[in-house]
Amino acid sequence: MSNTLLTAQQVSDELHALRNPSIAEHSQRFFKTGPGEYAEGDCCLGIRVPVLRKVAAQAREMSGSENLKLLASPWHEERLTALFILIRRYQKGSPSEQESIYRAYLDNTKHINNWDLVDSSAHLIVGAHLFDQDRSILRELAASDLLWERRIAMIATLQFIRNGQFDDTLELAHQLLHDSHDLIHKAVGWMLREVGNRNRELETMFLDSHYQEMPRIMLRYAIERYPEPERQAYLKGRRASVDPKRVPPTA
């Protein structure tokens, strides 16, 4: 596939030529595409991520309209490739182009509909775009009925965390503390762990205030890198009571 202005159909044809049925079968199970599961009905081609990144690099000059056609594909790997292209376009774009890509991303969240699609892109588009802007949209996304929008809100804050800003992560963690879905529990726990990688005291203050009400998997993700005695104290509910004055604001 030459490095020209490619169409969505040309990229789709290239990806279908690379499909691997045995990997696809595993991917269908891994990404929970069965009846009643969170990605019910999703279709996989069975192509590894490094290969998708290579195809995306070859299609990097794809137009915005063709990019969105690819993002609307019923095939999981085609949507992920579209996001890789979108990320590159955002990073190389002018401010007006970045604004357009950011808006297109939020207008198409129904197609960003699995955890790997969100985790590969939310911080690099939504988080990057909001870094120097008002971030109230994240609270709206976190209140969405759409699972993927809630996860986008949480994962977007990874961009802030990497730049030493933690308040939005903690506020959203508090907002999503009682979410019903384990994919949100995992996302919140992961982002809290990322905060702790840079500021353990701040994460500990949040956990000491909320660990007894946190879903178990959220807590496990959050304390993954704590020393074993501290991990067990949290898991067994034996942490000492916390002084409310030490707890960082979360609302």
Protein backbone atom coordinates (compact mmCIF):
# COMPACT_ATOMS: atom_id res chain seq x y z
CA MET A 1 0.00 0.00 0.00
CA SER A 2 1.67 3.22 -1.16
CA ASN A 3 1.94 6.28 1.06
CA THR A 4 -0.66 8.33 -0.83
CA LEU A 5 -3.99 9.96 -0.05
CA LEU A 6 -5.82 6.72 0.70
CA THR A 7 -9.52 6.10 1.08
CA ALA A 8 -11.22 4.23 3.89
CA GLN A 9 -12.05 1.44 1.46
CA GLN A 10 -8.42 1.03 0.42
CA VAL A 11 -7.30 0.78 4.05
CA SER A 12 -10.13 -1.66 4.75
CA ASP A 13 -9.06 -3.80 1.80
CA GLU A 14 -5.47 -3.82 3.09
CA LEU A 15 -6.57 -4.86 6.57
CA HIS A 16 -8.85 -7.60 5.30
CA ALA A 17 -5.91 -9.00 3.34
CA LEU A 18 -4.02 -9.24 6.64
CA ARG A 19 -6.77 -10.90 8.66
CA ASN A 20 -5.96 -13.95 10.75
CA PRO A 21 -8.94 -16.16 11.70
CA SER A 22 -7.23 -17.84 14.66
CA ILE A 23 -6.22 -14.52 16.22
CA ALA A 24 -9.67 -13.15 15.44
CA GLU A 25 -11.32 -15.98 17.36
CA HIS A 26 -9.18 -15.21 20.41
CA SER A 27 -9.86 -11.47 20.05
CA GLN A 28 -13.60 -12.05 19.95
CA ARG A 29 -13.37 -13.68 23.37
CA PHE A 30 -10.79 -11.24 24.77
CA PHE A 31 -12.82 -8.16 23.86
CA LYS A 32 -16.08 -9.61 25.20
CA THR A 33 -18.08 -9.63 21.98
CA GLY A 34 -20.50 -12.40 22.92
CA PRO A 35 -24.23 -12.11 23.71
CA GLY A 36 -24.83 -9.93 26.75
CA GLU A 37 -21.20 -8.82 26.98
CA TYR A 38 -20.08 -5.19 26.82
CA ALA A 39 -18.92 -5.42 23.18
CA GLU A 40 -21.68 -7.67 21.96
CA GLY A 41 -21.63 -8.05 18.19
CA ASP A 42 -18.21 -6.48 17.58
CA CYS A 43 -16.24 -8.15 14.78
CA CYS A 44 -12.49 -8.77 14.79
CA LEU A 45 -10.10 -9.33 11.91
CA GLY A 46 -7.33 -10.77 14.06
CA ILE A 47 -4.49 -8.30 13.40
CA ARG A 48 -1.88 -7.37 16.00
CA VAL A 49 -1.49 -3.73 17.09
CA PRO A 50 2.03 -3.20 15.64
CA VAL A 51 0.69 -4.18 12.20
CA LEU A 52 -2.22 -1.75 12.61
CA ARG A 53 0.18 1.03 13.53
CA LYS A 54 2.20 0.33 10.39
CA VAL A 55 -0.92 0.51 8.21
CA ALA A 56 -1.96 3.72 9.98
CA ALA A 57 1.44 5.26 9.27
CA GLN A 58 1.05 4.44 5.59
CA ALA A 59 -2.40 6.04 5.59
CA ARG A 60 -1.39 9.09 7.59
CA GLU A 61 -2.46 11.52 4.83
CA MET A 62 -6.02 10.18 4.78
CA SER A 63 -8.60 12.96 4.71
CA GLY A 64 -10.76 13.69 7.71
CA SER A 65 -13.94 12.50 6.01
CA GLU A 66 -12.35 9.20 4.97
CA ASN A 67 -10.88 8.82 8.46
CA LEU A 68 -14.36 9.07 9.99
CA LYS A 69 -15.69 6.52 7.49
CA LEU A 70 -13.05 4.10 8.73
CA LEU A 71 -13.90 4.92 12.35
CA ALA A 72 -17.52 3.91 11.66
CA SER A 73 -16.44 0.45 10.48
CA PRO A 74 -18.04 -2.64 12.03
CA TRP A 75 -14.53 -4.13 12.32
CA HIS A 76 -12.66 -3.54 15.56
CA GLU A 77 -9.20 -3.26 14.02
CA GLU A 78 -10.40 -0.80 11.38
CA ARG A 79 -11.73 1.49 14.08
CA LEU A 80 -8.46 1.23 16.01
CA THR A 81 -6.48 2.02 12.85
CA ALA A 82 -8.71 5.05 12.27
CA LEU A 83 -7.91 6.25 15.79
CA PHE A 84 -4.17 5.83 15.23
CA ILE A 85 -4.51 7.99 12.11
CA LEU A 86 -6.63 10.51 14.00
CA ILE A 87 -4.03 10.78 16.77
CA ARG A 88 -1.27 11.46 14.25
CA ARG A 89 -3.38 14.06 12.48
CA TYR A 90 -4.10 15.74 15.81
CA GLN A 91 -0.45 15.82 16.83
CA LYS A 92 0.64 17.25 13.47
CA GLY A 93 -2.34 19.57 13.00
CA SER A 94 -2.80 23.30 13.35
CA PRO A 95 -4.88 24.62 16.26
CA SER A 96 -7.98 24.78 14.04
CA GLU A 97 -7.37 21.24 12.78
CA GLN A 98 -6.91 20.02 16.35
CA GLU A 99 -10.19 21.62 17.36
CA SER A 100 -11.95 19.90 14.47
CA ILE A 101 -10.44 16.51 15.34
CA TYR A 102 -11.33 16.90 19.01
CA ARG A 103 -14.94 17.73 18.08
CA ALA A 104 -15.12 14.82 15.66
CA TYR A 105 -13.81 12.48 18.34
CA LEU A 106 -16.51 13.50 20.82
CA ASP A 107 -19.16 13.33 18.10
CA ASN A 108 -18.21 9.73 17.36
CA THR A 109 -17.83 8.15 20.78
CA LYS A 110 -20.37 5.47 19.82
CA HIS A 111 -17.65 4.07 17.54
CA ILE A 112 -14.91 4.30 20.21
CA ASN A 113 -16.59 1.40 21.88
CA ASN A 114 -14.07 -0.84 23.57
CA TRP A 115 -11.51 -0.30 26.27
CA ASP A 116 -8.48 -0.55 23.97
CA LEU A 117 -9.95 2.02 21.59
CA VAL A 118 -10.49 4.43 24.48
CA ASP A 119 -7.17 3.74 26.18
CA SER A 120 -5.19 4.24 22.97
CA SER A 121 -6.70 7.63 22.20
CA ALA A 122 -8.56 9.51 24.93
CA HIS A 123 -5.54 11.07 26.62
CA LEU A 124 -3.85 11.86 23.30
CA ILE A 125 -6.83 13.70 21.83
CA VAL A 126 -9.30 14.71 24.56
CA GLY A 127 -6.71 15.08 27.33
CA ALA A 128 -4.23 16.85 25.07
CA HIS A 129 -6.87 19.23 23.75
CA LEU A 130 -8.20 20.16 27.18
CA PHE A 131 -4.78 20.61 28.74
CA ASP A 132 -4.94 24.42 28.48
CA GLN A 133 -8.73 24.72 28.28
CA ASP A 134 -11.80 24.45 30.45
CA ARG A 135 -12.24 20.80 31.47
CA SER A 136 -15.86 20.79 32.57
CA ILE A 137 -16.76 18.57 29.60
CA LEU A 138 -15.04 15.73 31.47
CA ARG A 139 -17.63 15.92 34.25
CA GLU A 140 -20.37 15.72 31.62
CA LEU A 141 -18.76 12.70 29.99
CA ALA A 142 -18.32 11.05 33.39
CA ALA A 143 -22.06 11.42 33.96
CA SER A 144 -22.95 9.90 30.58
CA ASP A 145 -25.14 6.83 30.21
CA LEU A 146 -22.61 5.59 27.64
CA LEU A 147 -19.96 3.42 29.28
CA TRP A 148 -17.29 4.48 26.81
CA GLU A 149 -17.81 8.19 27.42
CA ARG A 150 -17.32 7.64 31.14
CA ARG A 151 -14.10 5.75 30.45
CA ILE A 152 -12.95 8.45 28.01
CA ALA A 153 -13.38 11.05 30.76
CA MET A 154 -11.23 9.08 33.18
CA ILE A 155 -8.50 8.04 30.76
CA ALA A 156 -8.25 11.56 29.31
CA THR A 157 -6.78 12.68 32.64
CA LEU A 158 -3.67 10.58 32.02
CA GLN A 159 -2.42 13.52 29.97
CA PHE A 160 -2.76 15.77 33.03
CA ILE A 161 -1.19 13.23 35.37
CA ARG A 162 1.87 12.97 33.14
CA ASN A 163 2.26 16.71 33.49
CA GLY A 164 1.96 16.73 37.28
CA GLN A 165 -1.70 17.78 37.47
CA PHE A 166 -3.85 15.51 39.63
CA ASP A 167 -6.96 17.42 40.71
CA ASP A 168 -9.15 16.39 37.76
CA THR A 169 -8.26 12.73 38.19
CA LEU A 170 -9.18 12.79 41.86
CA GLU A 171 -12.42 14.67 41.22
CA LEU A 172 -13.50 12.23 38.51
CA ALA A 173 -12.44 9.26 40.65
CA HIS A 174 -14.77 10.56 43.32
CA GLN A 175 -17.57 11.09 40.78
CA LEU A 176 -17.18 7.56 39.42
CA LEU A 177 -16.57 5.88 42.76
CA HIS A 178 -19.91 4.06 42.69
CA ASP A 179 -20.13 3.39 38.97
CA SER A 180 -21.79 0.08 38.16
CA HIS A 181 -19.34 -1.21 35.54
CA ASP A 182 -16.05 -2.98 36.20
CA LEU A 183 -14.41 -1.29 33.19
CA ILE A 184 -14.87 2.00 35.00
CA HIS A 185 -13.62 0.49 38.26
CA LYS A 186 -10.45 -0.60 36.45
CA ALA A 187 -9.99 2.77 34.76
CA VAL A 188 -10.36 4.69 38.02
CA GLY A 189 -8.01 2.34 39.85
CA TRP A 190 -5.45 2.60 37.06
CA MET A 191 -5.52 6.42 37.05
CA LEU A 192 -5.22 6.53 40.84
CA ARG A 193 -2.19 4.26 40.54
CA GLU A 194 -0.73 6.64 37.97
CA VAL A 195 -1.22 9.51 40.41
CA GLY A 196 0.51 7.46 43.09
CA ASN A 197 3.46 6.75 40.81
CA ARG A 198 4.15 10.48 40.93
CA ASN A 199 2.69 11.49 44.28
CA ARG A 200 2.15 8.51 46.60
CA GLU A 201 1.06 10.69 49.52
CA LEU A 202 -1.77 12.21 47.48
CA GLU A 203 -3.03 8.82 46.34
CA THR A 204 -2.82 7.49 49.89
CA MET A 205 -4.84 10.42 51.20
CA PHE A 206 -7.56 9.69 48.65
CA LEU A 207 -7.55 5.97 49.39
CA ASP A 208 -7.63 6.43 53.14
CA SER A 209 -10.78 8.47 52.73
CA HIS A 210 -12.54 6.17 50.24
CA TYR A 211 -11.06 2.67 50.23
CA GLN A 212 -13.84 1.14 52.34
CA GLU A 213 -16.50 2.14 49.78
CA MET A 214 -14.45 1.51 46.64
CA PRO A 215 -15.29 -1.49 44.44
CA ARG A 216 -12.77 -4.25 45.13
CA ILE A 217 -11.25 -4.27 41.65
CA MET A 218 -10.81 -0.48 41.70
CA LEU A 219 -8.94 -0.77 44.98
CA ARG A 220 -6.77 -3.62 43.71
CA TYR A 221 -5.74 -1.66 40.65
CA ALA A 222 -5.02 1.45 42.73
CA ILE A 223 -2.76 -0.29 45.29
CA GLU A 224 -0.96 -2.60 42.89
CA ARG A 225 2.45 -0.99 43.55
CA TYR A 226 2.08 -0.46 47.28
CA PRO A 227 4.29 -2.52 49.62
CA GLU A 228 2.59 -5.79 50.50
CA PRO A 229 1.83 -4.89 54.16
CA GLU A 230 0.04 -1.71 53.02
CA ARG A 231 -1.82 -3.60 50.30
CA GLN A 232 -3.06 -6.14 52.81
CA ALA A 233 -4.09 -3.42 55.26
CA TYR A 234 -6.30 -1.87 52.57
CA LEU A 235 -7.68 -5.18 51.35
CA LYS A 236 -8.51 -6.36 54.87
CA GLY A 237 -9.96 -3.02 55.95
CA ARG A 238 -7.33 -2.40 58.61
CA ARG A 239 -6.12 1.04 57.64
CA ALA A 240 -6.18 3.56 60.50
CA SER A 241 -8.88 6.23 60.40
CA VAL A 242 -7.95 9.30 58.41
CA ASP A 243 -7.99 12.92 59.50
CA PRO A 244 -10.55 14.61 57.19
CA LYS A 245 -8.32 17.70 57.05
CA ARG A 246 -5.68 15.63 55.22
CA VAL A 247 -8.04 14.43 52.51
CA PRO A 248 -7.65 16.30 49.19
CA PRO A 249 -10.80 17.97 47.87
CA THR A 250 -12.71 15.84 45.33
CA ALA A 251 -15.73 17.96 44.57
